Amino acid sequence: MSSTPLHRPPSGTATPDEPSASALAPSPAPDIPALIRSIAASEGAHLPTMLAAFYRSRRVNPAAWDAKLAFWHRVVHDVCVAHGAALKSRFTLDARRIAGALAVDGIAPLGMPRVLLELVKLGDLVAVDDFLRASSPGTDAGGAGYLSSLAAPLLWGLSALGVYSSPPTHAAASAEPEIRDGTYVLVARVDADLDQIARLASSVHTLCESLLPLDEFAARLGIPALDTVDARILLSHAQRAGMLAFDPAESLVKLARGRPGAESVVVTEIDRHLAKLKRTMRMVEAQLADAERRIEAILAEARVHLKADRRPSALRCIQRKKNLESVRDKRAATRETLAGILFKVDTSETDTAILGAYQSGTAALRGLLDNPALAQHAVEGTMDALADALADQQELDDAVAVNVEMVNNATAQAAGIDDDLLEAELAELAREEAAAVPAPPAAVEPAPAPTPAPAPVPEPVHASPLRRQHSDDDDDRTILVSRDGGDAGDARHKKRARTEGPARLVAE
């Protein structure tokens, strides 16, 4: 048989073929006949043939037999597992009613009892009683369904090759030896919620957070209603997987913190006390919310009486409000006290874990220090031996250095090499190296900036008589020099006149 199982063993993570938690969320009921027609169209199946009964034996037409099984496996997955339709409850289906629920145009699939039988063989369907027994502690954790889901395709392939022949069974001998009644668990839907429980458990870090009443547990999973049978199915399956512990007497769920399944989870007496404490705190919070609501209602009533000028009635409302406020304040103080106790419990648990870590570290360190190699006399002996070895090495290095120097001197003397000749050759080599190195380019000094010429001092329009007299004398002197000295004397005198004239004016 080439059909695919509808579920996978729980692993804490969903696979692409596995329905996720969102697939089980409440959704509008699908149109089952339309959905079946779409599946038949997508697979190219002839719907009347799919609605007909199976042959008495698969040997008549193996291909048609396997195609019909694969078709109805997909129908069960898309209609029942994915959409939760045609089911008796969240996790169960009624074998007697499933065929009518999957009818198309009033025609029920006649081969549905055979399909249910094959799903049971694959482990996709398990009777409720068998599922609860397999999920109880101390039984096979995997269940027979998982083994059969792995073995059935392999055995079919071997039988097709003629290597293996299955023993004759009642199911192969009769025409309709199928499942016609009973309540069965759809394992794929349980596994989807199991993944959601694993995610919820991984988000819990403290003891108080891990304790949940059953109704709050279902609400945290997004399950609007969980009847008794479904609760037993889910809780027993999750308990077997090591994800939680359940106390039926207290209706208390204790989630495994950290990595689910890493260690066993047990509801202890401390957990029951903490659960009662949390229940009391929720009751106090409910009373607080009710008191606030009633106070607002009384205030609204008092305003109505004031508008109607009924002061005595308004005063009575105020008196009732005062009484409720007193109760509210007391309950608020109680809530704070309970919250403080829960906080101290979580803190004490953390302190216990820290102290346990200290003890583990101390034991590990003590175990290492108890090693005979770390004893005091052993350490001192090792360090003394190391010091002796280092001293011997230093003596050896000194002896080798002295001997090397003696050998070098003896070699030089034997070759007739003088130290003065070596020094002279070394100096000559240094001069050659210095000459080979190019000299750095000389730094070019920047040209000095030109000095601006002094601005000429303008003469006043009205000169004094004394300045006029000096000017006349200069002119006479200039004429006399030009006559005696020729052209050269004239030029020198003009230059001196040009330079001395302003200075004289300034001095005067």
Protein backbone atom coordinates (compact mmCIF):
# COMPACT_ATOMS: atom_id res chain seq x y z
CA MET A 1 0.00 0.00 0.00
CA SER A 2 1.41 3.41 -0.96
CA SER A 3 -0.68 5.61 1.30
CA THR A 4 1.00 8.14 3.58
CA PRO A 5 0.41 8.18 7.34
CA LEU A 6 -1.53 11.13 8.64
CA HIS A 7 0.77 11.80 11.62
CA ARG A 8 4.36 11.78 12.71
CA PRO A 9 5.90 10.83 16.07
CA PRO A 10 5.87 13.83 18.41
CA SER A 11 9.14 15.73 18.22
CA GLY A 12 8.29 19.14 19.62
CA THR A 13 8.50 20.75 16.17
CA ALA A 14 6.05 20.59 13.31
CA THR A 15 7.04 19.21 9.93
CA PRO A 16 5.65 20.49 6.61
CA ASP A 17 3.24 17.51 6.44
CA GLU A 18 2.21 17.90 10.06
CA PRO A 19 -0.74 20.10 11.08
CA SER A 20 0.39 23.05 13.14
CA ALA A 21 -1.40 24.47 16.15
CA SER A 22 -2.93 27.16 13.98
CA ALA A 23 -4.51 24.43 11.83
CA LEU A 24 -6.60 23.38 14.83
CA ALA A 25 -7.81 26.87 15.59
CA PRO A 26 -11.57 27.37 15.41
CA SER A 27 -12.63 28.14 11.82
CA PRO A 28 -15.89 28.21 9.91
CA ALA A 29 -17.19 24.74 9.05
CA PRO A 30 -16.13 23.88 5.50
CA ASP A 31 -18.44 22.74 2.74
CA ILE A 32 -17.47 19.08 2.90
CA PRO A 33 -18.95 17.97 -0.45
CA ALA A 34 -17.32 20.90 -2.24
CA LEU A 35 -14.00 20.13 -0.56
CA ILE A 36 -14.19 16.46 -1.61
CA ARG A 37 -14.99 17.47 -5.20
CA SER A 38 -11.98 19.81 -5.28
CA ILE A 39 -9.71 17.03 -4.03
CA ALA A 40 -11.05 14.67 -6.71
CA ALA A 41 -10.51 17.33 -9.39
CA SER A 42 -6.96 18.06 -8.23
CA GLU A 43 -6.04 14.37 -8.32
CA GLY A 44 -7.95 13.58 -11.50
CA ALA A 45 -10.06 10.98 -9.70
CA HIS A 46 -13.48 9.83 -10.84
CA LEU A 47 -15.68 10.70 -7.87
CA PRO A 48 -18.38 7.99 -8.36
CA THR A 49 -15.59 5.40 -8.46
CA MET A 50 -14.13 6.82 -5.24
CA LEU A 51 -17.56 6.60 -3.57
CA ALA A 52 -17.98 2.96 -4.54
CA ALA A 53 -16.91 0.05 -2.35
CA PHE A 54 -13.52 -1.63 -2.56
CA TYR A 55 -12.98 -4.90 -4.39
CA ARG A 56 -13.10 -8.07 -2.35
CA SER A 57 -9.34 -8.41 -2.80
CA ARG A 58 -6.57 -5.98 -3.67
CA ARG A 59 -5.20 -8.48 -6.18
CA VAL A 60 -8.07 -7.71 -8.57
CA ASN A 61 -6.72 -4.21 -9.33
CA PRO A 62 -3.86 -3.11 -7.04
CA ALA A 63 -3.48 0.30 -8.72
CA ALA A 64 -7.16 1.21 -8.32
CA TRP A 65 -7.17 -0.10 -4.74
CA ASP A 66 -4.14 2.01 -3.74
CA ALA A 67 -5.44 5.10 -5.58
CA LYS A 68 -8.76 4.92 -3.74
CA LEU A 69 -7.02 4.50 -0.36
CA ALA A 70 -4.72 7.45 -1.07
CA PHE A 71 -7.70 9.58 -2.10
CA TRP A 72 -9.65 8.92 1.11
CA HIS A 73 -6.54 9.35 3.24
CA ARG A 74 -6.22 12.85 1.83
CA VAL A 75 -9.93 13.50 2.40
CA VAL A 76 -9.65 12.45 6.04
CA HIS A 77 -6.58 14.67 6.46
CA ASP A 78 -8.07 17.79 4.81
CA VAL A 79 -11.56 17.46 6.24
CA CYS A 80 -11.04 15.90 9.65
CA VAL A 81 -7.47 16.77 10.65
CA ALA A 82 -7.02 20.21 9.10
CA HIS A 83 -10.57 21.58 9.46
CA GLY A 84 -11.81 19.49 12.37
CA ALA A 85 -15.01 18.65 10.51
CA ALA A 86 -16.99 15.39 10.65
CA LEU A 87 -15.57 14.68 14.13
CA LYS A 88 -17.24 13.61 17.35
CA SER A 89 -14.98 15.87 19.45
CA ARG A 90 -11.73 17.73 19.07
CA PHE A 91 -9.62 14.58 18.83
CA THR A 92 -12.07 11.73 18.14
CA LEU A 93 -14.27 10.51 15.33
CA ASP A 94 -17.21 8.11 15.38
CA ALA A 95 -16.67 5.24 12.97
CA ARG A 96 -20.41 4.71 12.62
CA ARG A 97 -21.13 8.32 11.56
CA ILE A 98 -18.03 9.29 9.59
CA ALA A 99 -19.29 7.88 6.29
CA GLY A 100 -22.52 9.90 6.48
CA ALA A 101 -20.55 13.04 7.38
CA LEU A 102 -18.45 12.62 4.20
CA ALA A 103 -21.41 11.99 1.87
CA VAL A 104 -21.52 13.77 -1.50
CA ASP A 105 -24.94 14.46 -3.03
CA GLY A 106 -26.46 12.16 -0.44
CA ILE A 107 -24.16 9.26 -1.36
CA ALA A 108 -21.94 8.04 1.48
CA PRO A 109 -18.59 6.46 0.61
CA LEU A 110 -19.15 2.74 0.78
CA GLY A 111 -15.48 1.95 1.28
CA MET A 112 -15.02 4.09 4.41
CA PRO A 113 -14.91 1.05 6.80
CA ARG A 114 -11.95 -0.27 4.79
CA VAL A 115 -10.27 3.17 4.91
CA LEU A 116 -10.67 3.28 8.70
CA LEU A 117 -9.14 -0.18 8.98
CA GLU A 118 -6.09 0.89 6.96
CA LEU A 119 -5.71 4.06 9.06
CA VAL A 120 -5.74 1.91 12.18
CA LYS A 121 -3.04 -0.30 10.69
CA LEU A 122 -0.90 2.76 9.97
CA GLY A 123 -1.42 4.09 13.51
CA ASP A 124 -3.23 7.23 12.36
CA LEU A 125 -6.37 6.08 14.15
CA VAL A 126 -6.25 4.49 17.60
CA ALA A 127 -9.17 3.35 19.71
CA VAL A 128 -9.69 5.67 22.66
CA ASP A 129 -9.11 2.98 25.28
CA ASP A 130 -5.97 1.75 23.53
CA PHE A 131 -4.68 5.29 23.22
CA LEU A 132 -5.15 6.03 26.90
CA ARG A 133 -3.48 2.77 27.88
CA ALA A 134 -0.54 3.44 25.56
CA SER A 135 -0.25 6.98 26.92
CA SER A 136 -0.20 5.92 30.57
CA PRO A 137 3.16 5.96 32.35
CA GLY A 138 5.12 2.74 32.22
CA THR A 139 3.89 1.63 28.78
CA ASP A 140 5.55 1.82 25.40
CA ALA A 141 6.29 5.47 24.77
CA GLY A 142 6.04 5.17 21.02
CA GLY A 143 2.92 3.06 20.85
CA ALA A 144 2.16 0.34 18.37
CA GLY A 145 0.84 2.87 15.88
CA TYR A 146 4.24 4.40 15.23
CA LEU A 147 5.85 1.01 14.65
CA SER A 148 3.07 -0.07 12.32
CA SER A 149 3.28 3.21 10.39
CA LEU A 150 6.94 2.46 9.70
CA ALA A 151 6.56 -1.25 9.03
CA ALA A 152 3.40 -1.28 6.88
CA PRO A 153 4.89 0.37 3.74
CA LEU A 154 8.04 -1.75 4.01
CA LEU A 155 6.10 -5.00 4.33
CA TRP A 156 3.87 -4.07 1.41
CA GLY A 157 6.92 -3.40 -0.78
CA LEU A 158 8.44 -6.74 0.18
CA SER A 159 5.18 -8.51 -0.57
CA ALA A 160 4.99 -6.82 -3.98
CA LEU A 161 8.49 -8.17 -4.76
CA GLY A 162 7.48 -11.65 -3.63
CA VAL A 163 9.98 -11.62 -0.75
CA TYR A 164 7.36 -11.51 2.00
CA SER A 165 3.82 -12.83 2.11
CA SER A 166 1.53 -11.52 4.78
CA PRO A 167 -0.39 -14.13 6.75
CA PRO A 168 -4.06 -14.44 5.89
CA THR A 169 -6.24 -12.34 8.13
CA HIS A 170 -9.92 -11.91 8.64
CA ALA A 171 -9.69 -8.51 6.94
CA ALA A 172 -8.44 -10.07 3.71
CA ALA A 173 -10.82 -13.00 3.72
CA SER A 174 -14.22 -11.35 3.91
CA ALA A 175 -15.80 -8.78 1.66
CA GLU A 176 -16.37 -6.05 4.27
CA PRO A 177 -14.22 -6.97 7.29
CA GLU A 178 -13.75 -3.34 8.18
CA ILE A 179 -14.32 -1.06 11.13
CA ARG A 180 -17.93 -0.03 11.37
CA ASP A 181 -18.33 1.32 14.89
CA GLY A 182 -16.35 2.63 17.82
CA THR A 183 -14.67 5.91 18.78
CA TYR A 184 -11.13 6.50 17.54
CA VAL A 185 -8.46 9.12 18.21
CA LEU A 186 -6.98 11.09 15.30
CA VAL A 187 -3.35 11.04 16.43
CA ALA A 188 -2.34 13.88 14.08
CA ARG A 189 -4.63 16.34 15.87
CA VAL A 190 -3.29 15.33 19.28
CA ASP A 191 0.29 15.75 18.05
CA ALA A 192 -0.51 19.26 16.81
CA ASP A 193 -1.64 20.31 20.30
CA LEU A 194 1.35 18.50 21.75
CA ASP A 195 3.65 20.85 19.82
CA GLN A 196 1.74 23.78 21.28
CA ILE A 197 2.25 22.38 24.79
CA ALA A 198 5.98 22.06 24.12
CA ARG A 199 6.16 25.75 23.13
CA LEU A 200 4.15 26.73 26.22
CA ALA A 201 6.43 24.69 28.50
CA SER A 202 9.57 26.23 27.00
CA SER A 203 8.26 29.72 27.88
CA VAL A 204 7.85 28.88 31.60
CA HIS A 205 10.78 29.70 33.91
CA THR A 206 9.52 29.76 37.50
CA LEU A 207 7.70 27.26 39.67
CA CYS A 208 4.62 29.44 40.14
CA GLU A 209 4.35 30.00 36.37
CA SER A 210 4.44 26.26 35.72
CA LEU A 211 1.33 25.56 37.85
CA LEU A 212 -1.92 26.05 35.93
CA PRO A 213 -5.48 24.97 36.57
CA LEU A 214 -6.96 22.90 33.76
CA ASP A 215 -9.23 25.64 32.41
CA GLU A 216 -6.37 28.16 32.28
CA PHE A 217 -4.16 25.52 30.66
CA ALA A 218 -6.72 25.01 27.88
CA ALA A 219 -7.12 28.76 27.44
CA ARG A 220 -3.34 29.20 27.12
CA LEU A 221 -3.40 26.60 24.33
CA GLY A 222 -6.19 28.44 22.56
CA ILE A 223 -8.69 25.63 23.08
CA PRO A 224 -12.13 27.17 23.70
CA ALA A 225 -13.73 24.00 25.07
CA LEU A 226 -12.10 20.75 26.20
CA ASP A 227 -14.44 17.97 27.23
CA THR A 228 -13.52 15.22 29.64
CA VAL A 229 -12.47 12.64 27.03
CA ASP A 230 -10.38 15.09 25.04
CA ALA A 231 -8.73 16.37 28.22
CA ARG A 232 -7.79 12.82 29.22
CA ILE A 233 -6.43 12.13 25.72
CA LEU A 234 -4.32 15.28 25.56
CA LEU A 235 -3.06 15.21 29.14
CA SER A 236 -2.15 11.54 29.13
CA HIS A 237 -0.32 11.89 25.82
CA ALA A 238 1.58 14.97 27.00
CA GLN A 239 2.37 13.31 30.33
CA ARG A 240 3.82 10.31 28.54
CA ALA A 241 5.98 12.67 26.47
CA GLY A 242 7.36 14.22 29.69
CA MET A 243 5.90 17.66 29.01
CA LEU A 244 3.68 17.94 32.08
CA ALA A 245 2.20 16.25 35.12
CA PHE A 246 -1.49 16.25 36.00
CA ASP A 247 -3.19 15.95 39.36
CA PRO A 248 -6.85 14.97 38.83
CA ALA A 249 -7.78 15.64 42.46
CA GLU A 250 -6.72 19.28 42.25
CA SER A 251 -7.31 19.59 38.46
CA LEU A 252 -3.78 20.94 38.39
CA VAL A 253 -1.35 20.92 35.46
CA LYS A 254 2.37 21.28 36.13
CA LEU A 255 4.41 22.11 33.04
CA ALA A 256 7.95 20.91 32.53
CA ARG A 257 10.24 23.93 32.58
CA GLY A 258 13.12 24.39 30.20
CA ARG A 259 13.44 21.47 27.79
CA PRO A 260 10.35 19.23 27.99
CA GLY A 261 11.10 15.55 28.45
CA ALA A 262 14.57 16.18 29.89
CA GLU A 263 13.46 15.06 33.36
CA SER A 264 10.37 13.59 34.93
CA VAL A 265 7.69 15.99 36.14
CA VAL A 266 5.83 15.20 39.38
CA VAL A 267 3.18 17.18 41.26
CA THR A 268 4.44 17.54 44.83
CA GLU A 269 2.75 18.68 48.04
CA ILE A 270 4.49 22.06 47.68
CA ASP A 271 2.91 22.41 44.24
CA ARG A 272 -0.54 21.77 45.71
CA HIS A 273 -0.01 24.44 48.38
CA LEU A 274 1.13 26.93 45.76
CA ALA A 275 -1.87 26.07 43.61
CA LYS A 276 -4.20 26.85 46.51
CA LEU A 277 -2.34 30.12 47.07
CA LYS A 278 -2.77 31.06 43.41
CA ARG A 279 -6.46 30.13 43.51
CA THR A 280 -6.93 32.38 46.54
CA MET A 281 -5.12 35.19 44.77
CA ARG A 282 -7.36 34.83 41.70
CA MET A 283 -10.42 34.89 43.99
CA VAL A 284 -9.17 38.08 45.67
CA GLU A 285 -8.53 39.69 42.29
CA ALA A 286 -12.04 38.79 41.20
CA GLN A 287 -13.45 40.40 44.36
CA LEU A 288 -11.39 43.52 43.68
CA ALA A 289 -12.72 43.78 40.16
CA ASP A 290 -16.29 43.25 41.42
CA ALA A 291 -15.85 45.90 44.13
CA GLU A 292 -14.59 48.43 41.57
CA ARG A 293 -17.55 47.69 39.32
CA ARG A 294 -20.05 48.06 42.19
CA ILE A 295 -18.44 51.32 43.37
CA GLU A 296 -18.83 52.81 39.89
CA ALA A 297 -22.48 51.69 39.80
CA ILE A 298 -23.20 53.24 43.24
CA LEU A 299 -21.60 56.53 42.18
CA ALA A 300 -23.78 56.59 39.09
CA GLU A 301 -26.85 55.94 41.27
CA ALA A 302 -25.84 58.73 43.67
CA ARG A 303 -25.58 61.20 40.78
CA VAL A 304 -29.08 60.26 39.66
CA HIS A 305 -30.44 60.91 43.18
CA LEU A 306 -28.65 64.28 43.33
CA LYS A 307 -30.16 65.36 40.04
CA ALA A 308 -33.59 64.39 41.37
CA ASP A 309 -32.91 66.32 44.61
CA ARG A 310 -33.11 63.16 46.75
CA ARG A 311 -30.27 63.87 49.13
CA PRO A 312 -31.06 61.13 51.72
CA SER A 313 -30.88 58.48 48.99
CA ALA A 314 -27.64 59.96 47.70
CA LEU A 315 -26.18 59.89 51.22
CA ARG A 316 -27.08 56.22 51.59
CA CYS A 317 -25.29 55.54 48.29
CA ILE A 318 -22.20 57.30 49.55
CA GLN A 319 -22.31 55.23 52.74
CA ARG A 320 -22.46 51.99 50.71
CA LYS A 321 -19.59 53.21 48.58
CA LYS A 322 -17.49 53.85 51.69
CA ASN A 323 -18.15 50.31 52.92
CA LEU A 324 -17.17 48.85 49.56
CA GLU A 325 -14.04 50.98 49.43
CA SER A 326 -13.04 49.65 52.84
CA VAL A 327 -13.47 46.07 51.62
CA ARG A 328 -11.61 46.90 48.41
CA ASP A 329 -8.64 48.33 50.29
CA LYS A 330 -8.44 45.25 52.50
CA ARG A 331 -8.56 42.93 49.50
CA ALA A 332 -5.91 45.00 47.74
CA ALA A 333 -3.62 44.64 50.76
CA THR A 334 -4.30 40.89 50.79
CA ARG A 335 -3.47 40.63 47.12
CA GLU A 336 -0.17 42.43 47.66
CA THR A 337 0.67 40.06 50.51
CA LEU A 338 -0.11 36.98 48.42
CA ALA A 339 1.90 38.35 45.50
CA GLY A 340 4.81 38.93 47.85
CA ILE A 341 4.63 35.34 49.09
CA LEU A 342 4.63 34.00 45.52
CA PHE A 343 7.59 36.21 44.68
CA LYS A 344 9.49 34.96 47.71
CA VAL A 345 8.74 31.37 46.70
CA ASP A 346 10.23 31.95 43.25
CA THR A 347 13.19 33.77 44.80
CA SER A 348 13.77 30.95 47.27
CA GLU A 349 13.69 28.43 44.45
CA THR A 350 16.28 30.49 42.58
CA ASP A 351 18.39 30.71 45.74
CA THR A 352 18.15 26.96 46.10
CA ALA A 353 19.32 26.49 42.53
CA ILE A 354 22.21 28.92 43.10
CA LEU A 355 23.21 27.14 46.29
CA GLY A 356 23.06 23.82 44.46
CA ALA A 357 25.32 25.25 41.76
CA TYR A 358 27.76 26.42 44.47
CA GLN A 359 27.75 22.95 45.98
CA SER A 360 28.33 21.33 42.61
CA GLY A 361 31.18 23.71 41.86
CA THR A 362 32.71 23.10 45.28
CA ALA A 363 32.49 19.36 44.81
CA ALA A 364 34.11 19.60 41.38
CA LEU A 365 36.90 21.83 42.68
CA ARG A 366 37.44 19.59 45.69
CA GLY A 367 37.63 16.58 43.43
CA LEU A 368 40.36 18.24 41.38
CA LEU A 369 42.29 19.38 44.46
CA ASP A 370 42.20 15.87 45.89
CA ASN A 371 44.44 14.74 43.07
CA PRO A 372 47.76 13.57 44.63
CA ALA A 373 49.66 15.55 42.02
CA LEU A 374 48.30 18.79 43.57
CA ALA A 375 49.45 17.99 47.14
CA GLN A 376 51.68 20.62 48.77
CA HIS A 377 54.79 18.45 49.01
CA ALA A 378 54.30 17.33 45.39
CA VAL A 379 54.00 20.94 44.21
CA GLU A 380 57.08 22.00 46.21
CA GLY A 381 59.09 19.07 44.88
CA THR A 382 58.05 19.89 41.31
CA MET A 383 59.02 23.54 41.68
CA ASP A 384 62.39 22.64 43.24
CA ALA A 385 63.08 20.24 40.41
CA LEU A 386 62.16 22.95 37.91
CA ALA A 387 64.52 25.44 39.59
CA ASP A 388 67.37 22.90 39.50
CA ALA A 389 66.72 22.19 35.84
CA LEU A 390 66.75 25.90 34.99
CA ALA A 391 70.01 26.41 36.93
CA ASP A 392 71.61 23.49 35.09
CA GLN A 393 70.49 24.93 31.78
CA GLN A 394 71.98 28.33 32.65
CA GLU A 395 75.33 26.76 33.57
CA LEU A 396 75.28 24.83 30.31
CA ASP A 397 74.55 28.01 28.33
CA ASP A 398 77.42 29.89 30.05
CA ALA A 399 79.86 27.05 29.37
CA VAL A 400 78.85 26.87 25.72
CA ALA A 401 79.26 30.66 25.32
CA VAL A 402 82.77 30.65 26.84
CA ASN A 403 83.88 27.73 24.71
CA VAL A 404 82.50 29.32 21.55
CA GLU A 405 84.46 32.53 22.23
CA MET A 406 87.65 30.54 22.87
CA VAL A 407 87.18 28.62 19.64
CA ASN A 408 86.64 31.83 17.66
CA ASN A 409 89.79 33.42 19.11
CA ALA A 410 91.84 30.34 18.43
CA THR A 411 90.59 30.19 14.85
CA ALA A 412 91.47 33.84 14.27
CA GLN A 413 94.97 33.42 15.69
CA ALA A 414 95.56 30.32 13.58
CA ALA A 415 94.59 32.24 10.45
CA GLY A 416 96.86 35.18 11.32
CA ILE A 417 93.98 37.65 11.52
CA ASP A 418 94.72 40.88 13.42
CA ASP A 419 91.99 42.78 15.21
CA ASP A 420 93.30 46.09 13.83
CA LEU A 421 92.96 44.83 10.27
CA LEU A 422 89.39 43.74 11.00
CA GLU A 423 88.52 47.15 12.44
CA ALA A 424 90.06 48.92 9.43
CA GLU A 425 88.15 46.77 6.96
CA LEU A 426 84.93 47.35 8.88
CA ALA A 427 85.49 51.14 8.80
CA GLU A 428 86.14 51.02 5.05
CA LEU A 429 82.92 49.06 4.54
CA ALA A 430 80.99 51.64 6.58
CA ARG A 431 82.41 54.48 4.42
CA GLU A 432 81.39 52.70 1.24
CA GLU A 433 77.90 52.18 2.55
CA ALA A 434 77.65 55.84 3.53
CA ALA A 435 78.85 56.93 0.07
CA ALA A 436 76.35 54.68 -1.66
CA VAL A 437 73.43 56.25 0.16
CA PRO A 438 72.26 59.31 -1.88
CA ALA A 439 72.33 62.60 -0.02
CA PRO A 440 68.95 64.07 0.76
CA PRO A 441 68.01 67.06 -1.40
CA ALA A 442 68.88 70.42 0.11
CA ALA A 443 65.98 72.31 1.49
CA VAL A 444 65.14 75.36 -0.63
CA GLU A 445 64.48 78.39 1.47
CA PRO A 446 61.48 80.40 0.34
CA ALA A 447 62.21 83.80 -1.17
CA PRO A 448 61.63 86.68 1.23
CA ALA A 449 58.43 88.56 0.66
CA PRO A 450 59.02 92.00 -0.94
CA THR A 451 58.95 94.88 1.50
CA PRO A 452 56.35 97.44 0.48
CA ALA A 453 57.78 100.89 -0.27
CA PRO A 454 56.92 103.60 2.26
CA ALA A 455 54.09 105.75 1.14
CA PRO A 456 55.28 109.32 0.22
CA VAL A 457 54.38 112.01 2.68
CA PRO A 458 52.47 114.74 0.86
CA GLU A 459 53.63 118.28 1.44
CA PRO A 460 51.18 120.80 2.79
CA VAL A 461 49.86 123.35 0.37
CA HIS A 462 51.08 126.34 2.45
CA ALA A 463 54.72 125.79 3.37
CA SER A 464 56.38 127.76 6.13
CA PRO A 465 59.02 130.43 5.24
CA LEU A 466 61.77 128.40 6.85
CA ARG A 467 60.94 125.28 4.78
CA ARG A 468 60.77 127.43 1.65
CA GLN A 469 64.25 128.84 2.40
CA HIS A 470 65.74 125.35 2.77
CA SER A 471 64.21 124.36 -0.49
CA ASP A 472 65.77 127.29 -2.25
CA ASP A 473 69.19 126.43 -0.79
CA ASP A 474 68.85 122.88 -2.01
CA ASP A 475 68.07 124.05 -5.48
CA ASP A 476 71.14 126.31 -5.49
CA ARG A 477 73.31 123.47 -4.25
CA THR A 478 72.02 121.22 -6.91
CA ILE A 479 72.83 123.70 -9.64
CA LEU A 480 76.36 124.22 -8.28
CA VAL A 481 77.10 120.49 -8.17
CA SER A 482 75.79 119.92 -11.65
CA ARG A 483 78.08 122.61 -13.00
CA ASP A 484 81.20 121.27 -11.28
CA GLY A 485 80.67 117.51 -11.58
CA GLY A 486 79.09 117.09 -14.94
CA ASP A 487 76.46 114.57 -15.69
CA ALA A 488 77.55 112.05 -13.00
CA GLY A 489 77.60 114.61 -10.23
CA ASP A 490 74.26 115.88 -11.31
CA ALA A 491 72.75 112.42 -11.11
CA ARG A 492 74.21 111.75 -7.68
CA HIS A 493 72.96 115.04 -6.39
CA LYS A 494 69.46 114.41 -7.71
CA LYS A 495 69.39 111.02 -6.03
CA ARG A 496 70.54 112.48 -2.71
CA ALA A 497 68.00 115.26 -3.00
CA ARG A 498 65.23 112.75 -3.56
CA THR A 499 66.23 110.68 -0.49
CA GLU A 500 67.21 113.47 1.90
CA GLY A 501 64.39 115.82 1.05
CA PRO A 502 61.58 113.89 2.80
CA ALA A 503 63.81 113.10 5.79
CA ARG A 504 64.65 116.74 6.22
CA LEU A 505 61.03 117.67 6.03
CA VAL A 506 60.19 115.18 8.72
CA ALA A 507 63.04 116.43 10.94
CA GLU A 508 61.95 120.02 10.50
